[in-house]
Amino acid sequence: MIWKRSIDLEQLNQMSVGCMVGHLGIRMTNLTDDTIEAVMPVDSRTCQPFGLLHGGASVTLAESLGSIAGYLCTEGEQRVVGVEINANHLRAVTGGEVHGVCRAVHAGRRLQVWQIDIFDDQARLCCTSRLTTAVLTPEG
């Protein structure tokens, strides 16, 4: 198991209340020994004016998953901040939900790299993203 913090899905979803994650309807759905997964609705909150899933919403799902995963790999008062994200949008989505799966590429003490793949309701890859995070330790 790569996680250093003990937390369950209910607690993770409570953390999302009142912030962008909650406003977009992102919901954590699975936590395994080395992955975290979430779903996001494709609706008026997450679509662009032409009825397609907004690329920024996909990036928000990716960064949310990677940042939460990064936090779970830290201890004590450490925090995680995103320093770079990229995304390749491969397939348009017009409805239903998208499903994000996040895995560690590198979970180091100071730098982390996360791979997030986003699938539509038919399990087709719609977006692939890579997030780099920095681990911040309080100054002592």
Foldseek 3Di string as FASTA:
>chain_A
DQFPDDDDQVVLQVVQPPDPCVVQPWGWDDDDPFKTKIKGWQDPSQDDPVQWGDPVSVVVNVVSRVLVSLVRNDDDPKHKDWDDKDKDFDDTDRGDMKMKMKGWPDRDPFKTKIWIFIAHPVRHTGMIMIIMMTIDDDDD
